[in-house]
C-alpha atoms as a PDB file:
ATOM      1  CA  MET A   1      45.025  21.294  83.102  1.00  0.00           C
ATOM      2  CA  SER A   2      45.721  22.697  79.601  1.00  0.00           C
ATOM      3  CA  ASP A   3      43.880  25.741  78.193  1.00  0.00           C
ATOM      4  CA  ASP A   4      41.976  23.773  75.623  1.00  0.00           C
ATOM      5  CA  ASP A   5      40.847  21.160  78.679  1.00  0.00           C
ATOM      6  CA  PHE A   6      40.061  24.234  80.656  1.00  0.00           C
ATOM      7  CA  ARG A   7      37.869  25.411  77.611  1.00  0.00           C
ATOM      8  CA  ALA A   8      36.043  22.327  77.541  1.00  0.00           C
ATOM      9  CA  ALA A   9      35.493  21.985  81.109  1.00  0.00           C
ATOM     10  CA  LEU A  10      34.214  25.587  81.131  1.00  0.00           C
ATOM     11  CA  LYS A  11      31.848  25.297  78.281  1.00  0.00           C
ATOM     12  CA  LEU A  12      30.514  21.992  80.040  1.00  0.00           C
ATOM     13  CA  ALA A  13      30.391  24.066  83.427  1.00  0.00           C
ATOM     14  CA  LEU A  14      28.134  27.033  81.667  1.00  0.00           C
ATOM     15  CA  HIS A  15      25.904  24.486  80.040  1.00  0.00           C
ATOM     16  CA  ASN A  16      25.183  22.785  83.513  1.00  0.00           C
ATOM     17  CA  ILE A  17      24.574  25.981  85.268  1.00  0.00           C
ATOM     18  CA  SER A  18      22.403  27.190  82.194  1.00  0.00           C
ATOM     19  CA  ASP A  19      20.299  23.766  82.490  1.00  0.00           C
ATOM     20  CA  ALA A  20      20.010  24.556  86.282  1.00  0.00           C
ATOM     21  CA  THR A  21      18.682  27.883  85.690  1.00  0.00           C
ATOM     22  CA  LEU A  22      14.815  28.315  85.196  1.00  0.00           C
ATOM     23  CA  ALA A  23      13.832  29.970  81.564  1.00  0.00           C
ATOM     24  CA  GLY A  24      13.988  33.629  82.122  1.00  0.00           C
ATOM     25  CA  GLY A  25      16.246  33.541  85.204  1.00  0.00           C
ATOM     26  CA  HIS A  26      19.856  34.797  85.441  1.00  0.00           C
ATOM     27  CA  TYR A  27      22.994  33.360  86.565  1.00  0.00           C
ATOM     28  CA  ALA A  28      26.383  34.910  86.883  1.00  0.00           C
ATOM     29  CA  VAL A  29      30.175  33.859  86.461  1.00  0.00           C
ATOM     30  CA  LEU A  30      33.214  35.774  88.075  1.00  0.00           C
ATOM     31  CA  MET A  31      36.245  35.305  85.697  1.00  0.00           C
ATOM     32  CA  GLY A  32      39.795  36.882  85.642  1.00  0.00           C
ATOM     33  CA  ASN A  33      41.943  37.068  82.778  1.00  0.00           C
ATOM     34  CA  GLN A  34      45.541  35.981  82.663  1.00  0.00           C
ATOM     35  CA  ARG A  35      48.913  36.827  81.267  1.00  0.00           C
ATOM     36  CA  ARG A  36      51.327  34.032  80.921  1.00  0.00           C
ATOM     37  CA  LYS A  37      54.838  34.545  79.420  1.00  0.00           C
ATOM     38  CA  GLY A  38      53.795  37.985  78.097  1.00  0.00           C
ATOM     39  CA  VAL A  39      50.514  36.513  76.301  1.00  0.00           C
ATOM     40  CA  TYR A  40      47.431  38.103  77.400  1.00  0.00           C
ATOM     41  CA  ILE A  41      44.526  35.419  77.762  1.00  0.00           C
ATOM     42  CA  ASN A  42      41.234  37.078  77.772  1.00  0.00           C
ATOM     43  CA  TRP A  43      39.307  34.387  79.675  1.00  0.00           C
ATOM     44  CA  SER A  44      36.245  36.538  80.436  1.00  0.00           C
ATOM     45  CA  SER A  45      35.868  37.105  76.745  1.00  0.00           C
ATOM     46  CA  ILE A  46      36.146  33.329  76.061  1.00  0.00           C
ATOM     47  CA  THR A  47      33.519  32.776  78.842  1.00  0.00           C
ATOM     48  CA  GLU A  48      31.068  35.047  76.936  1.00  0.00           C
ATOM     49  CA  ALA A  49      31.693  33.277  73.582  1.00  0.00           C
ATOM     50  CA  LEU A  50      31.311  29.716  74.998  1.00  0.00           C
ATOM     51  CA  ALA A  51      28.301  30.514  77.443  1.00  0.00           C
ATOM     52  CA  PRO A  52      24.745  29.142  75.616  1.00  0.00           C
ATOM     53  CA  ASP A  53      22.729  31.990  76.941  1.00  0.00           C
ATOM     54  CA  PRO A  54      23.038  35.891  76.050  1.00  0.00           C
ATOM     55  CA  LEU A  55      24.835  38.325  78.197  1.00  0.00           C
ATOM     56  CA  VAL A  56      23.105  40.778  80.025  1.00  0.00           C
ATOM     57  CA  ASP A  57      25.266  42.424  82.061  1.00  0.00           C
ATOM     58  CA  GLU A  58      28.965  42.723  83.209  1.00  0.00           C
ATOM     59  CA  ILE A  59      30.310  44.141  86.260  1.00  0.00           C
ATOM     60  CA  ILE A  60      34.035  44.935  86.224  1.00  0.00           C
ATOM     61  CA  LYS A  61      35.570  44.553  89.678  1.00  0.00           C
ATOM     62  CA  ILE A  62      38.830  45.632  90.870  1.00  0.00           C
ATOM     63  CA  GLN A  63      41.012  42.859  92.282  1.00  0.00           C
ATOM     64  CA  HIS A  64      42.829  43.109  95.500  1.00  0.00           C
ATOM     65  CA  ASN A  65      45.866  41.276  96.798  1.00  0.00           C
ATOM     66  CA  VAL A  66      46.607  39.699  93.465  1.00  0.00           C
ATOM     67  CA  VAL A  67      49.520  37.493  93.129  1.00  0.00           C
ATOM     68  CA  SER A  68      51.138  39.708  90.499  1.00  0.00           C
ATOM     69  CA  ASN A  69      51.705  42.485  92.945  1.00  0.00           C
ATOM     70  CA  SER A  70      54.413  40.717  94.852  1.00  0.00           C
ATOM     71  CA  SER A  71      56.147  39.801  91.181  1.00  0.00           C
ATOM     72  CA  THR A  72      58.791  41.815  89.415  1.00  0.00           C
ATOM     73  CA  TYR A  73      58.777  41.689  85.686  1.00  0.00           C
ATOM     74  CA  ASN A  74      62.063  42.125  83.468  1.00  0.00           C
ATOM     75  CA  ASN A  75      60.665  43.713  80.489  1.00  0.00           C
ATOM     76  CA  ARG A  76      63.966  43.504  78.670  1.00  0.00           C
ATOM     77  CA  GLY A  77      63.666  46.522  76.579  1.00  0.00           C
ATOM     78  CA  ARG A  78      59.827  45.785  75.917  1.00  0.00           C
ATOM     79  CA  THR A  79      57.084  48.255  76.662  1.00  0.00           C
ATOM     80  CA  PRO A  80      56.159  47.510  80.402  1.00  0.00           C
ATOM     81  CA  LEU A  81      53.118  45.277  80.716  1.00  0.00           C
ATOM     82  CA  VAL A  82      50.219  46.677  82.600  1.00  0.00           C
ATOM     83  CA  ARG A  83      49.182  44.701  85.520  1.00  0.00           C
ATOM     84  CA  ILE A  84      45.875  42.914  85.296  1.00  0.00           C
ATOM     85  CA  MET A  85      43.668  44.358  88.255  1.00  0.00           C
ATOM     86  CA  HIS A  86      40.394  43.598  87.399  1.00  0.00           C
ATOM     87  CA  GLU A  87      38.078  40.659  86.884  1.00  0.00           C
ATOM     88  CA  LYS A  88      34.426  40.596  85.528  1.00  0.00           C
ATOM     89  CA  LEU A  89      31.135  39.241  86.870  1.00  0.00           C
ATOM     90  CA  LEU A  90      29.146  38.020  83.502  1.00  0.00           C
ATOM     91  CA  VAL A  91      25.403  38.169  83.994  1.00  0.00           C
ATOM     92  CA  PHE A  92      23.520  35.796  81.617  1.00  0.00           C
ATOM     93  CA  LYS A  93      20.053  35.252  81.194  1.00  0.00           C
ATOM     94  CA  LYS A  94      18.674  31.973  80.459  1.00  0.00           C
ATOM     95  CA  ALA A  95      17.071  31.631  77.212  1.00  0.00           C
ATOM     96  CA  LYS A  96      13.727  29.796  76.685  1.00  0.00           C
ATOM     97  CA  ASN A  97      13.757  26.440  75.063  1.00  0.00           C
ATOM     98  CA  ILE A  98      17.563  25.931  75.295  1.00  0.00           C
ATOM     99  CA  ASN A  99      18.794  22.234  75.936  1.00  0.00           C
ATOM    100  CA  ALA A 100      21.773  20.003  74.896  1.00  0.00           C
ATOM    101  CA  VAL A 101      20.214  19.748  71.292  1.00  0.00           C
ATOM    102  CA  SER A 102      19.141  23.275  70.655  1.00  0.00           C
ATOM    103  CA  SER A 103      22.482  24.412  71.969  1.00  0.00           C
ATOM    104  CA  LEU A 104      24.243  22.222  69.182  1.00  0.00           C
ATOM    105  CA  GLU A 105      21.953  23.811  66.645  1.00  0.00           C
ATOM    106  CA  GLN A 106      22.666  27.419  67.816  1.00  0.00           C
ATOM    107  CA  TYR A 107      26.353  26.397  67.754  1.00  0.00           C
ATOM    108  CA  VAL A 108      26.382  25.162  64.094  1.00  0.00           C
ATOM    109  CA  GLN A 109      24.328  28.123  63.091  1.00  0.00           C
ATOM    110  CA  ASN A 110      26.863  30.491  64.773  1.00  0.00           C
ATOM    111  CA  ILE A 111      29.753  28.599  62.866  1.00  0.00           C
ATOM    112  CA  GLU A 112      27.803  29.225  59.520  1.00  0.00           C
ATOM    113  CA  ASN A 113      27.164  32.782  60.437  1.00  0.00           C
ATOM    114  CA  SER A 114      31.213  33.230  61.207  1.00  0.00           C
ATOM    115  CA  LEU A 115      31.967  31.572  58.194  1.00  0.00           C
ATOM    116  CA  THR A 116      29.966  34.079  56.070  1.00  0.00           C
ATOM    117  CA  GLN A 117      31.497  37.117  57.645  1.00  0.00           C
ATOM    118  CA  GLU A 118      34.821  35.948  57.695  1.00  0.00           C
ATOM    119  CA  LEU A 119      34.304  35.211  53.784  1.00  0.00           C
ATOM    120  CA  LEU A 120      32.669  38.702  53.310  1.00  0.00           C
ATOM    121  CA  ALA A 121      35.470  40.077  55.101  1.00  0.00           C
ATOM    122  CA  THR A 122      38.056  38.402  53.286  1.00  0.00           C
ATOM    123  CA  LEU A 123      36.416  39.315  49.744  1.00  0.00           C
ATOM    124  CA  ARG A 124      36.131  43.064  50.762  1.00  0.00           C
ATOM    125  CA  ARG A 125      39.931  42.994  51.961  1.00  0.00           C
ATOM    126  CA  VAL A 126      40.894  41.447  48.652  1.00  0.00           C
ATOM    127  CA  MET A 127      38.832  43.687  46.618  1.00  0.00           C
ATOM    128  CA  GLN A 128      40.270  46.920  48.138  1.00  0.00           C
ATOM    129  CA  CYS A 129      42.916  47.212  45.708  1.00  0.00           C
ATOM    130  CA  ARG A 130      41.698  45.431  42.462  1.00  0.00           C
ATOM    131  CA  THR A 131      38.758  43.582  40.639  1.00  0.00           C
ATOM    132  CA  TRP A 132      38.565  40.061  40.316  1.00  0.00           C
ATOM    133  CA  SER A 133      36.528  37.497  38.405  1.00  0.00           C
ATOM    134  CA  GLU A 134      34.266  34.880  40.067  1.00  0.00           C
ATOM    135  CA  PRO A 135      36.846  32.053  39.152  1.00  0.00           C
ATOM    136  CA  GLU A 136      39.897  33.847  40.230  1.00  0.00           C
ATOM    137  CA  ILE A 137      38.179  34.571  43.510  1.00  0.00           C
ATOM    138  CA  LEU A 138      37.051  30.989  44.133  1.00  0.00           C
ATOM    139  CA  SER A 139      40.599  29.829  43.036  1.00  0.00           C
ATOM    140  CA  LEU A 140      42.084  32.156  45.747  1.00  0.00           C
ATOM    141  CA  ILE A 141      40.094  30.863  48.585  1.00  0.00           C
ATOM    142  CA  SER A 142      39.919  27.262  47.744  1.00  0.00           C
ATOM    143  CA  SER A 143      43.093  26.181  49.145  1.00  0.00           C
ATOM    144  CA  VAL A 144      42.093  26.991  52.449  1.00  0.00           C
ATOM    145  CA  TYR A 145      39.077  24.605  52.172  1.00  0.00           C
ATOM    146  CA  THR A 146      41.129  22.018  50.424  1.00  0.00           C
ATOM    147  CA  LYS A 147      43.630  22.081  53.514  1.00  0.00           C
ATOM    148  CA  ALA A 148      40.623  22.245  55.755  1.00  0.00           C
ATOM    149  CA  SER A 149      38.657  19.388  54.201  1.00  0.00           C
ATOM    150  CA  LEU A 150      35.402  20.781  55.420  1.00  0.00           C
ATOM    151  CA  ASN A 151      32.102  19.633  53.819  1.00  0.00           C
ATOM    152  CA  ILE A 152      30.663  22.962  53.497  1.00  0.00           C
ATOM    153  CA  ASP A 153      29.224  24.794  50.541  1.00  0.00           C
ATOM    154  CA  TRP A 154      31.608  27.474  50.507  1.00  0.00           C
ATOM    155  CA  GLN A 155      31.483  28.248  46.804  1.00  0.00           C
ATOM    156  CA  GLY A 156      27.791  28.821  47.412  1.00  0.00           C
ATOM    157  CA  ILE A 157      28.479  31.397  50.039  1.00  0.00           C
ATOM    158  CA  VAL A 158      31.026  33.213  47.952  1.00  0.00           C
ATOM    159  CA  GLN A 159      28.373  33.440  45.222  1.00  0.00           C
ATOM    160  CA  ASN A 160      25.662  34.713  47.430  1.00  0.00           C
ATOM    161  CA  LEU A 161      27.924  37.067  48.993  1.00  0.00           C
ATOM    162  CA  LEU A 162      29.226  38.419  45.449  1.00  0.00           C
ATOM    163  CA  SER A 163      25.303  38.963  44.256  1.00  0.00           C
ATOM    164  CA  SER A 164      24.880  40.796  47.387  1.00  0.00           C
ATOM    165  CA  HIS A 165      25.094  44.645  47.990  1.00  0.00           C
ATOM    166  CA  HIS A 166      28.559  44.632  49.068  1.00  0.00           C
ATOM    167  CA  PHE A 167      29.991  44.026  45.709  1.00  0.00           C
ATOM    168  CA  VAL A 168      29.126  45.531  41.980  1.00  0.00           C
ATOM    169  CA  ASN A 169      29.703  42.979  39.067  1.00  0.00           C
ATOM    170  CA  GLN A 170      31.359  44.932  36.033  1.00  0.00           C
ATOM    171  CA  ASN A 171      31.523  42.915  32.838  1.00  0.00           C
ATOM    172  CA  GLY A 172      32.569  39.514  34.826  1.00  0.00           C
ATOM    173  CA  ARG A 173      34.576  41.236  37.391  1.00  0.00           C
ATOM    174  CA  TYR A 174      33.869  42.458  40.804  1.00  0.00           C
ATOM    175  CA  ARG A 175      34.608  45.188  42.941  1.00  0.00           C
ATOM    176  CA  LEU A 176      33.431  46.857  45.930  1.00  0.00           C
ATOM    177  CA  ALA A 177      30.284  48.936  46.148  1.00  0.00           C
ATOM    178  CA  TYR A 178      31.043  52.249  47.907  1.00  0.00           C
END
């Protein structure tokens, strides 16, 4: 199956396992990582991100008799790849009152938090070397949201961030607060 189909199936499986676990109980998922055509795919981190419950422990296990042990790699002048020799046992604790709807609410909240953090990081990056007016900042960021056609009040988020302790307004121009 494709990586996207695997992510969707993995998410459904994690939710099904969570649904079958009593509140306060634990469940574990053993997940290895993968390298395909030189690209490292961190499936264990993806599993952590997709799980509906908090991660409480991870146990790193050495893999024995892996397929890559019998493979030879032609690095063609590149840095030799380190073989993946581990997998992780991820242990999650079932949160109370988690169900299909509350999981969706949590997911939407995580998207909003991620967007705010990404906007904050972007503002801090662009203000490392110069000051900006609010219209300049909004203009700089607007093309991203126009292309994505998201129905999000990103301008309100930017304005809230600009009024936070991270930035200083001097005569209508914003700079980083150090």
